[in-house]
C-alpha cells in the first residue's frame, strides 16, 4: 500500500481528516484521565481498614441530658455488650475507620522540632480496643488497665502510652526501631509518650483519595483513653456468623441499662464502607458511562465521515477495481488512511491528556497520570478507528466497477 496517494487524498479532504483527528485526540485525553480516576477511586474503596470488618459493628450513643457518673455508665454499657452471647469484645471510642470524621494531630520526634515528622489520626480506646476492632498486634504489647484514663471532650492530656499503626511507625522511624521510642504531639510538646505497641494496619477515619491524603491514610495512633462525651461510639466485635443477631439485640441491651439515650446509628463496618465510598463508586460508574458514550460518538463520527468519503470517491474506487484492485486492497486503503489519521490524533491526544492531568493535579489533587493509561488510551483509539472504518470500507470494496464508474 503506497502512502503518497493516501496523503494526497487526505489533503483534498483535510478539514474532515483534521476533525476526526481532533475528535480522537479529545476522546483519548478524556479516556486516559477518566480511567486513571476510576482506578484510583476503586482502589481507594477497596483499601483494607485493618479491622475485622466482617464481624465488627458500631453503635453511635448519645446521652440525653448530663449523666451524673458517665464513666460508670460507659463501663456498665461495654460490660453488658461484652456479656452478650456471640460477642468477642467491646469498647468505647471517639471514632473508627470509614466514618470520615475524627481527630487528627501532628507527630514530632523532639520537643523543639518545628516541622512535624508525620500527620496521624487519633483514636481513643482502652485495653479492649485492639481486640474489639480485630487489629493484629505485630510488635510490643497492648495497653494495661492501669494506663487507661477517663477523657472528656476538650481535655488536654498526655497519653502514658501509644499503640501505632505500622505505617505510622515506619513514617516516624524508617529504620524500624519505633517500639519504645517517645513521640510528641501539638498538645504535648514538652512531655512525650512512648510507643508500646504496633498494629499491622489501622486506616484513618478519612477516605479521601488525593495524593496528600493517600500519603497518610494508614497513619493512626490509639491513645489509652476511655472516651466520655455526649456522643461516642461503642465498637463491638462478634463471633463469625453472629453479627446480624448481636446487632439486632444490642440496642435493647443498652436501653435496658439506661433509657435516657439516643442510639443514632447501629451499623456494621461493611455498611460503613458502602456508605463512605458511595460517591467514589458513583463517580466511577458515571465516568465509565461517559467514556462509553464518548467512544460511541467517536466511532459514529468516523463511520459517517468515511461513508461520505466513500460516496465522494466512487469513481476512483471503480477505476482501481477496473485496473485489478482486489476488495482487500480497497479495504486496506481506507484502513491505512484511518490509521494515519488516528495516529496523528493519538499523538495529539497524549499531549492533551498530559496537559489536562497537570491541571487536575494542581487544582483537584489528583495523582499524576501513569504512562500505562496513555498506552491503553492510544491503543483503544487506534483499534476504535480500525473497527469504525471497517463497515464503510467493506461497502466501498463491494461496489461493482461498472456501477462505480457510471456517469451520474
Protein backbone atom coordinates (compact mmCIF):
# COMPACT_ATOMS: atom_id res chain seq x y z
CA UNK A 1 0.00 0.00 0.00
CA UNK A 2 1.53 3.32 -1.13
CA UNK A 3 1.27 6.15 1.37
CA UNK A 4 1.61 9.05 -1.10
CA UNK A 5 -1.78 8.53 -2.82
CA UNK A 6 -3.42 8.32 0.60
CA UNK A 7 -1.77 11.53 1.76
CA UNK A 8 -2.79 13.22 -1.48
CA UNK A 9 -6.42 12.19 -0.95
CA UNK A 10 -6.28 13.37 2.67
CA UNK A 11 -5.04 16.81 1.58
CA UNK A 12 -8.13 17.16 -0.59
CA UNK A 13 -10.26 16.33 2.46
CA UNK A 14 -8.05 17.91 5.11
CA UNK A 15 -10.90 19.53 7.07
CA UNK A 16 -12.61 16.20 7.58
CA UNK A 17 -9.34 14.48 8.46
CA UNK A 18 -8.49 17.19 10.98
CA UNK A 19 -11.92 16.93 12.58
CA UNK A 20 -11.55 13.17 13.02
CA UNK A 21 -8.02 13.57 14.41
CA UNK A 22 -9.14 16.24 16.89
CA UNK A 23 -12.15 14.14 17.94
CA UNK A 24 -9.87 11.17 18.56
CA UNK A 25 -7.43 13.36 20.49
CA UNK A 26 -10.16 14.70 22.77
CA UNK A 27 -11.53 11.19 23.25
CA UNK A 28 -8.09 9.86 24.17
CA UNK A 29 -7.39 12.72 26.61
CA UNK A 30 -10.70 12.26 28.42
CA UNK A 31 -10.44 8.46 28.32
CA UNK A 32 -6.96 8.34 29.86
CA UNK A 33 -7.79 10.70 32.71
CA UNK A 34 -11.17 9.09 33.33
CA UNK A 35 -9.62 5.62 33.51
CA UNK A 36 -7.00 6.94 35.92
CA UNK A 37 -9.65 8.47 38.18
CA UNK A 38 -11.77 5.30 38.05
CA UNK A 39 -8.80 3.14 39.01
CA UNK A 40 -7.85 5.48 41.86
CA UNK A 41 -11.37 5.61 43.27
CA UNK A 42 -11.95 1.85 43.02
CA UNK A 43 -8.53 1.14 44.55
CA UNK A 44 -9.27 3.55 47.39
CA UNK A 45 -12.66 1.98 48.07
CA UNK A 46 -11.01 -1.45 48.31
CA UNK A 47 -8.30 -0.40 50.80
CA UNK A 48 -8.34 -2.64 53.89
CA UNK A 49 -9.09 -0.79 57.10
CA UNK A 50 -7.14 -3.21 59.27
CA UNK A 51 -10.24 -4.12 61.26
CA UNK A 52 -12.22 -7.35 61.24
CA UNK A 53 -14.87 -5.74 59.04
CA UNK A 54 -16.95 -8.89 58.60
CA UNK A 55 -17.60 -9.16 62.36
CA UNK A 56 -17.44 -5.60 63.74
CA UNK A 57 -20.25 -3.07 64.11
CA UNK A 58 -20.54 0.33 65.73
CA UNK A 59 -23.21 1.92 67.89
CA UNK A 60 -23.48 5.71 67.95
CA UNK A 61 -24.56 6.53 71.53
CA UNK A 62 -25.78 9.95 72.71
CA UNK A 63 -26.84 10.69 76.26
CA UNK A 64 -30.00 12.62 76.99
CA UNK A 65 -29.09 15.33 79.46
CA UNK A 66 -25.92 15.19 81.55
CA UNK A 67 -25.47 11.85 83.32
CA UNK A 68 -24.11 12.19 86.88
CA UNK A 69 -21.48 9.45 86.52
CA UNK A 70 -20.73 8.99 82.87
CA UNK A 71 -17.67 6.84 83.48
CA UNK A 72 -19.72 4.27 85.39
CA UNK A 73 -22.44 4.33 82.74
CA UNK A 74 -19.97 3.73 79.92
CA UNK A 75 -18.30 0.95 81.83
CA UNK A 76 -21.65 -0.74 82.52
CA UNK A 77 -22.59 -0.40 78.84
CA UNK A 78 -19.45 -2.05 77.48
CA UNK A 79 -19.60 -4.71 80.20
CA UNK A 80 -23.15 -5.57 79.16
CA UNK A 81 -22.17 -5.66 75.49
CA UNK A 82 -19.24 -7.97 76.22
CA UNK A 83 -21.58 -10.29 78.11
CA UNK A 84 -23.94 -10.72 75.15
CA UNK A 85 -23.88 -14.17 73.51
CA UNK A 86 -21.73 -14.15 70.40
CA UNK A 87 -19.67 -11.09 71.38
CA UNK A 88 -15.87 -11.35 71.34
CA UNK A 89 -15.17 -7.91 72.82
CA UNK A 90 -16.48 -4.35 73.01
CA UNK A 91 -15.06 -0.91 73.70
CA UNK A 92 -15.89 2.80 73.59
CA UNK A 93 -14.07 5.11 71.16
CA UNK A 94 -14.19 8.61 69.76
CA UNK A 95 -14.18 7.41 66.16
CA UNK A 96 -13.40 4.41 63.96
CA UNK A 97 -12.27 3.78 60.36
CA UNK A 98 -14.56 4.57 57.41
CA UNK A 99 -16.51 7.33 59.18
CA UNK A 100 -14.91 10.37 57.51
CA UNK A 101 -14.97 12.02 60.93
CA UNK A 102 -12.36 12.00 63.67
CA UNK A 103 -9.43 13.72 65.33
CA UNK A 104 -6.02 14.33 63.78
CA UNK A 105 -2.67 15.55 65.08
CA UNK A 106 0.97 16.04 64.11
CA UNK A 107 3.75 13.83 65.41
CA UNK A 108 7.20 15.15 66.36
CA UNK A 109 10.37 13.34 67.38
CA UNK A 110 11.71 16.14 69.58
CA UNK A 111 10.09 18.74 71.87
CA UNK A 112 11.57 21.70 69.99
CA UNK A 113 11.03 20.32 66.47
CA UNK A 114 9.41 22.90 64.22
CA UNK A 115 8.14 20.82 61.32
CA UNK A 116 6.14 17.66 62.12
CA UNK A 117 7.56 14.33 61.03
CA UNK A 118 4.16 12.84 60.22
CA UNK A 119 0.46 13.54 60.37
CA UNK A 120 -1.80 10.99 62.06
CA UNK A 121 -5.33 10.16 63.11
CA UNK A 122 -6.03 9.87 66.83
CA UNK A 123 -8.25 7.10 68.19
CA UNK A 124 -9.16 7.00 71.88
CA UNK A 125 -9.58 3.46 73.16
CA UNK A 126 -8.99 1.33 76.23
CA UNK A 127 -7.27 -2.03 76.61
CA UNK A 128 -10.15 -3.67 74.71
CA UNK A 129 -9.81 -1.51 71.58
CA UNK A 130 -7.35 -3.75 69.74
CA UNK A 131 -9.45 -6.88 70.25
CA UNK A 132 -12.75 -5.08 69.62
CA UNK A 133 -11.58 -3.81 66.23
CA UNK A 134 -9.88 -7.07 65.38
CA UNK A 135 -6.48 -5.44 64.86
CA UNK A 136 -3.32 -7.51 64.57
CA UNK A 137 -0.63 -6.59 67.10
CA UNK A 138 2.70 -7.24 65.35
CA UNK A 139 5.09 -5.79 67.93
CA UNK A 140 5.06 -4.73 71.56
CA UNK A 141 2.06 -5.07 73.83
CA UNK A 142 -1.48 -3.94 74.44
CA UNK A 143 -2.48 -1.27 76.95
CA UNK A 144 -2.82 -2.28 80.58
CA UNK A 145 -5.85 -1.38 82.68
CA UNK A 146 -3.65 0.93 84.79
CA UNK A 147 -2.80 3.04 81.73
CA UNK A 148 -6.40 3.83 80.84
CA UNK A 149 -7.53 7.40 81.63
CA UNK A 150 -11.05 8.80 81.50
CA UNK A 151 -11.14 11.54 78.89
CA UNK A 152 -13.90 14.01 78.23
CA UNK A 153 -14.25 16.13 75.13
CA UNK A 154 -11.76 19.01 75.14
CA UNK A 155 -9.44 17.58 77.80
CA UNK A 156 -5.74 18.32 77.31
CA UNK A 157 -4.00 15.16 78.49
CA UNK A 158 -0.71 13.46 77.75
CA UNK A 159 -1.21 9.76 77.00
CA UNK A 160 1.03 7.49 79.09
CA UNK A 161 1.44 5.04 76.19
CA UNK A 162 0.68 4.74 72.48
CA UNK A 163 -0.18 1.99 70.04
CA UNK A 164 0.59 3.00 66.46
CA UNK A 165 -0.01 1.51 63.05
CA UNK A 166 2.90 0.00 61.17
CA UNK A 167 2.62 2.76 58.54
CA UNK A 168 2.96 5.47 61.18
CA UNK A 169 5.84 3.65 62.87
CA UNK A 170 7.65 3.50 59.52
CA UNK A 171 6.94 7.14 58.77
CA UNK A 172 8.35 8.18 62.15
CA UNK A 173 11.22 5.70 62.35
CA UNK A 174 12.17 4.36 58.89
CA UNK A 175 14.86 2.11 60.39
CA UNK A 176 12.19 0.01 62.09
CA UNK A 177 13.05 0.87 65.69
CA UNK A 178 9.81 2.62 66.65
CA UNK A 179 8.96 0.37 69.61
CA UNK A 180 9.87 2.07 72.86
CA UNK A 181 10.56 5.44 71.25
CA UNK A 182 8.93 8.64 72.51
CA UNK A 183 6.98 11.00 70.24
CA UNK A 184 5.41 14.39 70.83
CA UNK A 185 2.21 15.98 69.58
CA UNK A 186 0.91 19.53 69.22
CA UNK A 187 -0.77 19.29 72.60
CA UNK A 188 2.20 17.77 74.43
CA UNK A 189 5.35 19.37 73.06
CA UNK A 190 7.13 19.22 76.42
CA UNK A 191 6.13 15.75 77.56
CA UNK A 192 6.24 12.87 75.13
CA UNK A 193 4.52 9.49 75.02
CA UNK A 194 6.22 6.12 74.45
CA UNK A 195 5.17 3.70 71.70
CA UNK A 196 4.37 0.41 73.45
CA UNK A 197 2.68 -1.46 70.60
CA UNK A 198 2.44 -1.61 66.81
CA UNK A 199 -0.54 -2.96 64.87
CA UNK A 200 -0.24 -4.22 61.33
CA UNK A 201 -2.76 -1.80 59.82
CA UNK A 202 -5.24 0.80 61.03
CA UNK A 203 -6.79 3.13 58.49
CA UNK A 204 -7.64 6.71 59.41
CA UNK A 205 -11.33 7.69 59.57
CA UNK A 206 -10.96 9.78 56.41
CA UNK A 207 -11.14 8.16 53.00
CA UNK A 208 -10.07 10.98 50.67
CA UNK A 209 -8.19 9.64 47.65
CA UNK A 210 -5.92 12.58 46.81
CA UNK A 211 -2.12 12.24 46.93
CA UNK A 212 -1.84 14.20 50.20
CA UNK A 213 -4.46 12.07 51.95
CA UNK A 214 -3.14 8.86 50.39
CA UNK A 215 0.28 9.51 51.90
CA UNK A 216 -1.02 9.15 55.47
CA UNK A 217 -4.20 7.11 55.06
CA UNK A 218 -2.83 4.44 57.44
CA UNK A 219 -1.04 6.75 59.88
CA UNK A 220 -3.06 6.10 63.02
CA UNK A 221 -2.44 6.07 66.75
CA UNK A 222 -4.52 4.68 69.62
CA UNK A 223 -4.31 6.59 72.88
CA UNK A 224 -5.30 4.86 76.17
CA UNK A 225 -8.45 6.82 76.94
CA UNK A 226 -11.93 5.79 77.96
CA UNK A 227 -13.82 8.35 75.93
CA UNK A 228 -16.55 10.11 77.91
CA UNK A 229 -18.55 12.55 75.84
CA UNK A 230 -22.12 13.47 75.00
CA UNK A 231 -21.68 11.41 71.86
CA UNK A 232 -19.37 8.42 71.44
CA UNK A 233 -19.13 5.08 69.65
CA UNK A 234 -19.35 1.57 71.04
CA UNK A 235 -17.37 -0.84 68.85
CA UNK A 236 -18.48 -4.46 69.13
CA UNK A 237 -16.77 -7.47 67.60
CA UNK A 238 -18.80 -10.64 67.24
CA UNK A 239 -18.07 -14.25 66.54
CA UNK A 240 -18.25 -15.21 62.85
CA UNK A 241 -21.84 -15.53 61.72
CA UNK A 242 -23.30 -13.72 64.76
CA UNK A 243 -23.08 -10.13 63.52
CA UNK A 244 -26.72 -9.66 62.48
CA UNK A 245 -28.21 -11.21 65.62
CA UNK A 246 -25.97 -9.27 68.00
CA UNK A 247 -26.64 -6.01 66.16
CA UNK A 248 -30.36 -6.58 66.47
CA UNK A 249 -30.18 -7.20 70.22
CA UNK A 250 -27.56 -4.62 71.18
CA UNK A 251 -29.97 -1.69 71.22
CA UNK A 252 -32.35 -3.45 73.62
CA UNK A 253 -29.41 -4.34 75.88
CA UNK A 254 -28.31 -0.71 76.14
CA UNK A 255 -31.81 0.72 76.56
CA UNK A 256 -32.43 -1.73 79.40
CA UNK A 257 -29.49 -0.18 81.27
CA UNK A 258 -30.45 3.46 80.66
CA UNK A 259 -33.41 4.53 78.51
CA UNK A 260 -32.29 8.19 78.50
CA UNK A 261 -30.13 7.85 75.44
CA UNK A 262 -30.33 8.07 71.66
CA UNK A 263 -28.78 5.35 69.55
CA UNK A 264 -28.32 7.45 66.45
CA UNK A 265 -26.93 4.67 64.27
CA UNK A 266 -26.09 0.99 64.53
CA UNK A 267 -24.12 -0.09 61.50
CA UNK A 268 -21.65 -2.76 60.54
CA UNK A 269 -18.24 -1.96 59.15
CA UNK A 270 -19.43 -3.33 55.82
CA UNK A 271 -22.27 -0.80 55.81
CA UNK A 272 -19.85 1.95 56.79
CA UNK A 273 -17.63 1.05 53.84
CA UNK A 274 -20.53 1.08 51.39
CA UNK A 275 -21.80 4.41 52.70
CA UNK A 276 -18.48 6.25 52.84
CA UNK A 277 -17.39 5.10 49.37
CA UNK A 278 -20.79 5.53 47.69
CA UNK A 279 -19.72 8.75 45.96
CA UNK A 280 -16.49 7.16 44.71
CA UNK A 281 -18.35 4.22 43.21
CA UNK A 282 -20.97 6.52 41.68
CA UNK A 283 -18.26 8.67 40.14
CA UNK A 284 -16.57 5.58 38.70
CA UNK A 285 -19.85 4.45 37.12
CA UNK A 286 -20.58 7.92 35.71
CA UNK A 287 -17.09 8.22 34.22
CA UNK A 288 -17.36 4.72 32.73
CA UNK A 289 -20.66 5.66 31.07
CA UNK A 290 -19.17 8.93 29.80
CA UNK A 291 -16.22 7.02 28.32
CA UNK A 292 -18.54 4.52 26.63
CA UNK A 293 -20.73 7.29 25.17
CA UNK A 294 -17.68 9.25 24.02
CA UNK A 295 -16.20 6.19 22.30
CA UNK A 296 -19.54 5.52 20.61
CA UNK A 297 -19.82 9.12 19.39
CA UNK A 298 -16.25 9.00 18.06
CA UNK A 299 -16.95 5.70 16.28
CA UNK A 300 -20.13 7.06 14.66
CA UNK A 301 -18.22 10.15 13.60
CA UNK A 302 -15.58 8.02 11.88
CA UNK A 303 -18.26 5.87 10.21
CA UNK A 304 -20.15 8.91 8.97
CA UNK A 305 -17.12 10.73 7.61
CA UNK A 306 -15.68 7.60 5.98
CA UNK A 307 -19.06 6.84 4.39
CA UNK A 308 -19.07 10.36 2.98
CA UNK A 309 -15.56 9.88 1.59
CA UNK A 310 -16.59 6.58 0.01
CA UNK A 311 -19.53 8.27 -1.71
CA UNK A 312 -17.23 11.01 -2.97
CA UNK A 313 -14.70 8.52 -4.33
CA UNK A 314 -16.98 6.09 -6.13
CA UNK A 315 -15.32 6.81 -9.46
CA UNK A 316 -11.79 6.41 -8.08
CA UNK A 317 -12.75 3.15 -6.39
CA UNK A 318 -14.31 1.90 -9.59
CA UNK A 319 -11.19 2.77 -11.57
CA UNK A 320 -8.99 0.92 -9.07
CA UNK A 321 -11.29 -2.11 -9.23
CA UNK A 322 -11.27 -2.00 -13.04
CA UNK A 323 -7.48 -1.91 -13.01
CA UNK A 324 -7.38 -5.06 -10.94
CA UNK A 325 -7.51 -3.90 -7.31
CA UNK A 326 -9.00 -6.54 -5.08
CA UNK A 327 -11.62 -5.92 -2.44
CA UNK A 328 -8.98 -6.49 0.23
CA UNK A 329 -6.80 -3.79 -1.32
CA UNK A 330 -9.68 -1.28 -1.17
CA UNK A 331 -10.38 -2.17 2.47
CA UNK A 332 -6.71 -1.83 3.36
CA UNK A 333 -6.64 1.57 1.65
CA UNK A 334 -9.31 3.02 3.93
CA UNK A 335 -7.91 1.28 6.98
CA UNK A 336 -4.45 2.69 6.30
CA UNK A 337 -5.92 6.13 5.75
CA UNK A 338 -7.76 5.93 9.06
CA UNK A 339 -4.65 4.58 10.79
CA UNK A 340 -2.67 7.66 9.70
CA UNK A 341 -5.41 9.98 10.94
CA UNK A 342 -5.80 8.06 14.19
CA UNK A 343 -2.04 8.09 14.80
CA UNK A 344 -1.97 11.87 14.48
CA UNK A 345 -4.98 12.04 16.81
CA UNK A 346 -3.28 9.72 19.31
CA UNK A 347 -0.11 11.84 19.40
CA UNK A 348 -2.14 14.99 19.87
CA UNK A 349 -4.34 13.23 22.42
CA UNK A 350 -1.38 12.10 24.53
CA UNK A 351 -0.14 15.68 24.75
CA UNK A 352 -3.65 16.88 25.58
CA UNK A 353 -4.12 14.13 28.21
CA UNK A 354 -0.88 15.09 29.97
CA UNK A 355 -1.83 18.76 29.94
CA UNK A 356 -5.29 18.01 31.32
CA UNK A 357 -3.76 15.81 34.01
CA UNK A 358 -1.37 18.57 35.10
CA UNK A 359 -4.31 20.91 35.53
CA UNK A 360 -6.20 18.29 37.56
CA UNK A 361 -3.15 17.56 39.74
CA UNK A 362 -2.75 21.24 40.53
CA UNK A 363 -6.44 22.03 41.04
CA UNK A 364 -8.01 18.82 42.41
CA UNK A 365 -5.06 16.94 43.99
CA UNK A 366 -5.36 14.08 41.51
CA UNK A 367 -2.48 11.66 41.09
CA UNK A 368 -0.20 12.01 38.10
CA UNK A 369 -1.18 10.08 35.01
CA UNK A 370 0.72 6.82 34.63
CA UNK A 371 2.19 6.05 31.22
CA UNK A 372 0.18 2.83 31.04
CA UNK A 373 -3.05 4.83 30.72
CA UNK A 374 -1.61 6.74 27.77
CA UNK A 375 -0.68 3.45 26.13
CA UNK A 376 -4.11 1.95 26.77
CA UNK A 377 -5.83 5.09 25.52
CA UNK A 378 -3.75 5.23 22.34
CA UNK A 379 -4.31 1.56 21.54
CA UNK A 380 -8.05 1.94 22.22
CA UNK A 381 -8.34 4.92 19.88
CA UNK A 382 -6.38 3.15 17.12
CA UNK A 383 -8.48 -0.02 17.42
CA UNK A 384 -11.67 2.01 17.56
CA UNK A 385 -10.71 3.75 14.33
CA UNK A 386 -9.98 0.47 12.57
CA UNK A 387 -13.26 -1.08 13.69
CA UNK A 388 -15.30 2.03 12.84
CA UNK A 389 -13.87 2.32 9.34
CA UNK A 390 -14.33 -1.36 8.55
CA UNK A 391 -18.03 -1.20 7.57
CA UNK A 392 -17.69 1.78 5.17
CA UNK A 393 -14.54 0.18 3.72
CA UNK A 394 -16.36 -3.10 3.09
CA UNK A 395 -19.16 -1.17 1.38
CA UNK A 396 -16.63 0.56 -0.81
CA UNK A 397 -14.94 -2.72 -1.69
CA UNK A 398 -18.27 -4.33 -2.64
CA UNK A 399 -19.17 -1.66 -5.18
CA UNK A 400 -19.08 -3.13 -8.73
CA UNK A 401 -16.59 -1.34 -11.04
CA UNK A 402 -19.23 -0.72 -13.72
CA UNK A 403 -21.62 0.95 -11.23
CA UNK A 404 -18.87 3.00 -9.64
CA UNK A 405 -17.65 4.40 -12.98
CA UNK A 406 -21.11 5.13 -14.36
CA UNK A 407 -21.73 8.82 -15.00
CA UNK A 408 -24.30 10.38 -12.69
